[in-house]
Amino acid sequence: MNFVHRFPHTCIVIGFTVDKTVEFGVIYNPVLDDLYTGRRGHGAELNGFPIRCNPTTQLSGALLGCEMSCYQDAERLAIKTRNITAVCSAPDACHGVRMQGSAALNMCAVARGALDGYWECGMHIWDMAAAKVVVEEAGGVVISPVEGEEFDLCKRRVVVACSGALGAVLQSKIQHIDFPSD
């Protein structure tokens, strides 16, 4: 949708997995000429320069990302609205929530330190597989929104954070939505 509306948050994504483990990922935003790369065990880069996640561990002060697709029923939109309220409410309110329309680029924003966390339910494996390794190689975490559940690329839901501590806080605040698996 971003491309159609000339919103510059659009990208080409290539991810390579072996036995459900993402080994490398490439995300390219041709409008901004941003090339994110990540290779398991070799770090993450933006335009050839190393990137790292922020050291943020708490919700208060964190800048977050999420999405509110218009292709949702009223119940799913209500859950997404409650999730935003949960992270924006005192006493430990985040600094703000941004919606930019690309799971891969939102995840890369966590990897580069522009966002501290991101969550979404409903995207597909191709929206997040390549960015998963970029985030992890930049020092962040990619986890299930369900506490204690192992992350599965095919389940169409994700919590991404610059630290495990912030990821756990987001898990405790975010209500997940189940979608049919990829």
Protein backbone atom coordinates (compact mmCIF):
# COMPACT_ATOMS: atom_id res chain seq x y z
CA MET A 1 0.00 0.00 0.00
CA ASN A 2 2.86 2.41 0.79
CA PHE A 3 4.25 2.12 -2.73
CA VAL A 4 0.84 2.86 -4.28
CA HIS A 5 0.54 6.02 -2.17
CA ARG A 6 4.16 7.10 -2.72
CA PHE A 7 4.88 6.78 1.00
CA PRO A 8 8.66 6.18 1.13
CA HIS A 9 8.47 3.28 3.61
CA THR A 10 8.54 0.47 1.03
CA CYS A 11 11.06 -2.27 0.38
CA ILE A 12 12.28 -5.36 -1.43
CA VAL A 13 12.96 -8.27 0.93
CA ILE A 14 15.05 -11.43 0.46
CA GLY A 15 15.52 -13.95 3.25
CA PHE A 16 17.27 -17.32 3.21
CA THR A 17 16.37 -19.99 5.75
CA VAL A 18 17.73 -23.44 6.53
CA ASP A 19 15.56 -25.69 8.73
CA LYS A 20 13.44 -22.67 9.81
CA THR A 21 16.54 -20.69 10.83
CA VAL A 22 17.08 -17.47 8.92
CA GLU A 23 20.71 -17.46 7.80
CA PHE A 24 20.81 -14.13 5.98
CA GLY A 25 18.49 -11.33 5.03
CA VAL A 26 18.53 -8.35 2.70
CA ILE A 27 16.03 -5.51 2.90
CA TYR A 28 16.28 -2.66 0.42
CA ASN A 29 14.27 0.56 0.45
CA PRO A 30 14.80 1.93 -3.08
CA VAL A 31 13.17 5.28 -2.30
CA LEU A 32 15.58 6.12 0.54
CA ASP A 33 18.42 3.97 -0.86
CA ASP A 34 18.73 2.11 2.45
CA LEU A 35 20.19 -1.41 2.24
CA TYR A 36 19.95 -3.50 5.40
CA THR A 37 21.85 -6.78 5.56
CA GLY A 38 22.25 -9.42 8.21
CA ARG A 39 24.08 -12.73 8.19
CA ARG A 40 23.95 -15.13 11.11
CA GLY A 41 27.20 -14.82 13.05
CA HIS A 42 28.45 -11.87 10.98
CA GLY A 43 26.47 -8.87 12.22
CA ALA A 44 24.01 -6.44 10.70
CA GLU A 45 24.64 -3.41 8.51
CA LEU A 46 22.91 -0.43 6.97
CA ASN A 47 24.54 0.71 3.73
CA GLY A 48 27.74 -1.14 4.67
CA PHE A 49 28.05 0.30 8.20
CA PRO A 50 27.45 -1.80 11.33
CA ILE A 51 24.20 -1.17 13.22
CA ARG A 52 23.22 -1.95 16.81
CA CYS A 53 19.98 -1.81 18.75
CA ASN A 54 19.49 0.72 21.54
CA PRO A 55 20.23 -0.44 25.11
CA THR A 56 16.66 0.34 26.25
CA THR A 57 15.26 -2.13 28.79
CA GLN A 58 12.12 -0.38 30.04
CA LEU A 59 8.88 0.68 28.43
CA SER A 60 9.07 4.19 29.82
CA GLY A 61 11.07 6.18 27.34
CA ALA A 62 10.82 3.60 24.55
CA LEU A 63 9.72 4.53 21.04
CA LEU A 64 7.62 1.71 19.57
CA GLY A 65 6.11 0.66 16.26
CA CYS A 66 3.01 -1.32 15.35
CA GLU A 67 0.48 -1.51 12.51
CA MET A 68 -3.28 -1.00 12.12
CA SER A 69 -4.18 -2.53 8.78
CA CYS A 70 -7.52 -1.41 7.37
CA TYR A 71 -8.23 -5.03 6.37
CA GLN A 72 -9.31 -6.04 9.88
CA ASP A 73 -12.67 -6.80 11.43
CA ALA A 74 -13.95 -4.68 14.31
CA GLU A 75 -12.83 -7.15 16.99
CA ARG A 76 -9.24 -7.25 15.71
CA LEU A 77 -9.13 -3.45 15.45
CA ALA A 78 -10.38 -3.20 19.04
CA ILE A 79 -7.58 -5.51 20.24
CA LYS A 80 -4.98 -3.48 18.35
CA THR A 81 -6.37 -0.26 19.85
CA ARG A 82 -6.24 -1.76 23.37
CA ASN A 83 -2.62 -2.77 22.76
CA ILE A 84 -1.68 0.81 21.91
CA THR A 85 -3.50 2.02 25.02
CA ALA A 86 -1.63 -0.56 27.13
CA VAL A 87 1.82 0.70 26.12
CA CYS A 88 0.86 4.39 26.17
CA SER A 89 -0.77 4.42 29.61
CA ALA A 90 0.86 5.77 32.76
CA PRO A 91 2.76 5.13 34.93
CA ASP A 92 5.27 3.43 32.61
CA ALA A 93 4.09 4.90 29.30
CA CYS A 94 6.31 4.67 26.26
CA HIS A 95 7.44 7.83 24.45
CA GLY A 96 5.17 7.06 21.49
CA VAL A 97 3.96 4.59 18.89
CA ARG A 98 4.68 4.89 15.17
CA MET A 99 2.92 3.16 12.25
CA GLN A 100 4.83 3.16 8.99
CA GLY A 101 3.34 0.27 7.02
CA SER A 102 6.21 -2.19 6.53
CA ALA A 103 6.99 -5.02 8.94
CA ALA A 104 10.47 -5.54 7.48
CA LEU A 105 11.39 -1.85 7.71
CA ASN A 106 9.87 -1.50 11.19
CA MET A 107 12.01 -4.43 12.33
CA CYS A 108 15.07 -2.82 10.72
CA ALA A 109 14.23 0.40 12.56
CA VAL A 110 14.65 -1.55 15.82
CA ALA A 111 17.95 -2.96 14.53
CA ARG A 112 19.32 0.50 13.71
CA GLY A 113 18.09 2.09 16.95
CA ALA A 114 15.34 4.27 15.46
CA LEU A 115 12.69 2.25 17.33
CA ASP A 116 13.09 0.33 20.59
CA GLY A 117 10.32 -2.18 19.97
CA TYR A 118 7.71 -3.30 17.48
CA TRP A 119 4.81 -5.72 17.47
CA GLU A 120 2.39 -6.95 14.87
CA CYS A 121 -0.12 -9.70 14.20
CA GLY A 122 -1.32 -10.63 10.72
CA MET A 123 1.72 -10.14 8.53
CA HIS A 124 3.28 -13.03 6.61
CA ILE A 125 6.56 -14.92 6.75
CA TRP A 126 7.93 -12.92 3.82
CA ASP A 127 7.27 -9.70 5.75
CA MET A 128 9.60 -10.62 8.61
CA ALA A 129 11.98 -13.51 7.81
CA ALA A 130 14.81 -11.41 6.33
CA ALA A 131 14.54 -8.74 9.02
CA LYS A 132 14.65 -11.33 11.81
CA VAL A 133 18.33 -12.01 11.29
CA VAL A 134 19.08 -8.28 10.90
CA VAL A 135 17.50 -7.58 14.31
CA GLU A 136 19.19 -10.51 16.03
CA GLU A 137 22.60 -9.67 14.58
CA ALA A 138 22.14 -6.07 15.76
CA GLY A 139 21.63 -7.33 19.31
CA GLY A 140 17.83 -7.38 19.47
CA VAL A 141 15.27 -10.12 20.04
CA VAL A 142 12.50 -11.49 17.84
CA ILE A 143 9.98 -13.40 19.95
CA SER A 144 6.41 -14.62 20.07
CA PRO A 145 3.90 -12.26 21.67
CA VAL A 146 2.80 -15.27 23.75
CA GLU A 147 4.93 -15.64 26.89
CA GLY A 148 6.68 -19.03 26.95
CA GLU A 149 5.90 -19.84 23.31
CA GLU A 150 8.76 -20.42 20.90
CA PHE A 151 8.78 -17.93 18.02
CA ASP A 152 7.52 -19.40 14.74
CA LEU A 153 7.89 -17.45 11.47
CA CYS A 154 4.74 -19.10 10.12
CA LYS A 155 2.42 -17.97 12.95
CA ARG A 156 2.06 -14.41 11.59
CA ARG A 157 2.72 -12.59 14.87
CA VAL A 158 5.84 -11.05 16.36
CA VAL A 159 7.32 -8.94 19.12
CA VAL A 160 10.65 -7.32 18.25
CA ALA A 161 12.70 -5.47 20.87
CA CYS A 162 16.12 -3.98 21.35
CA SER A 163 16.54 -6.06 24.52
CA GLY A 164 15.12 -9.20 26.08
CA ALA A 165 13.90 -7.15 29.04
CA LEU A 166 11.86 -4.80 26.84
CA GLY A 167 10.61 -7.79 24.82
CA ALA A 168 9.26 -9.38 28.02
CA VAL A 169 7.49 -6.14 28.95
CA LEU A 170 5.87 -5.96 25.52
CA GLN A 171 4.79 -9.62 25.80
CA SER A 172 3.08 -8.81 29.10
CA LYS A 173 1.23 -5.80 27.63
CA ILE A 174 0.28 -6.97 24.13
CA GLN A 175 -2.73 -9.16 23.44
CA HIS A 176 -1.98 -11.33 20.41
CA ILE A 177 -4.36 -12.12 17.58
CA ASP A 178 -4.39 -15.53 15.94
CA PHE A 179 -4.35 -15.72 12.15
CA PRO A 180 -4.17 -18.81 9.94
CA SER A 181 -0.51 -19.90 9.70
CA ASP A 182 1.55 -19.45 6.53
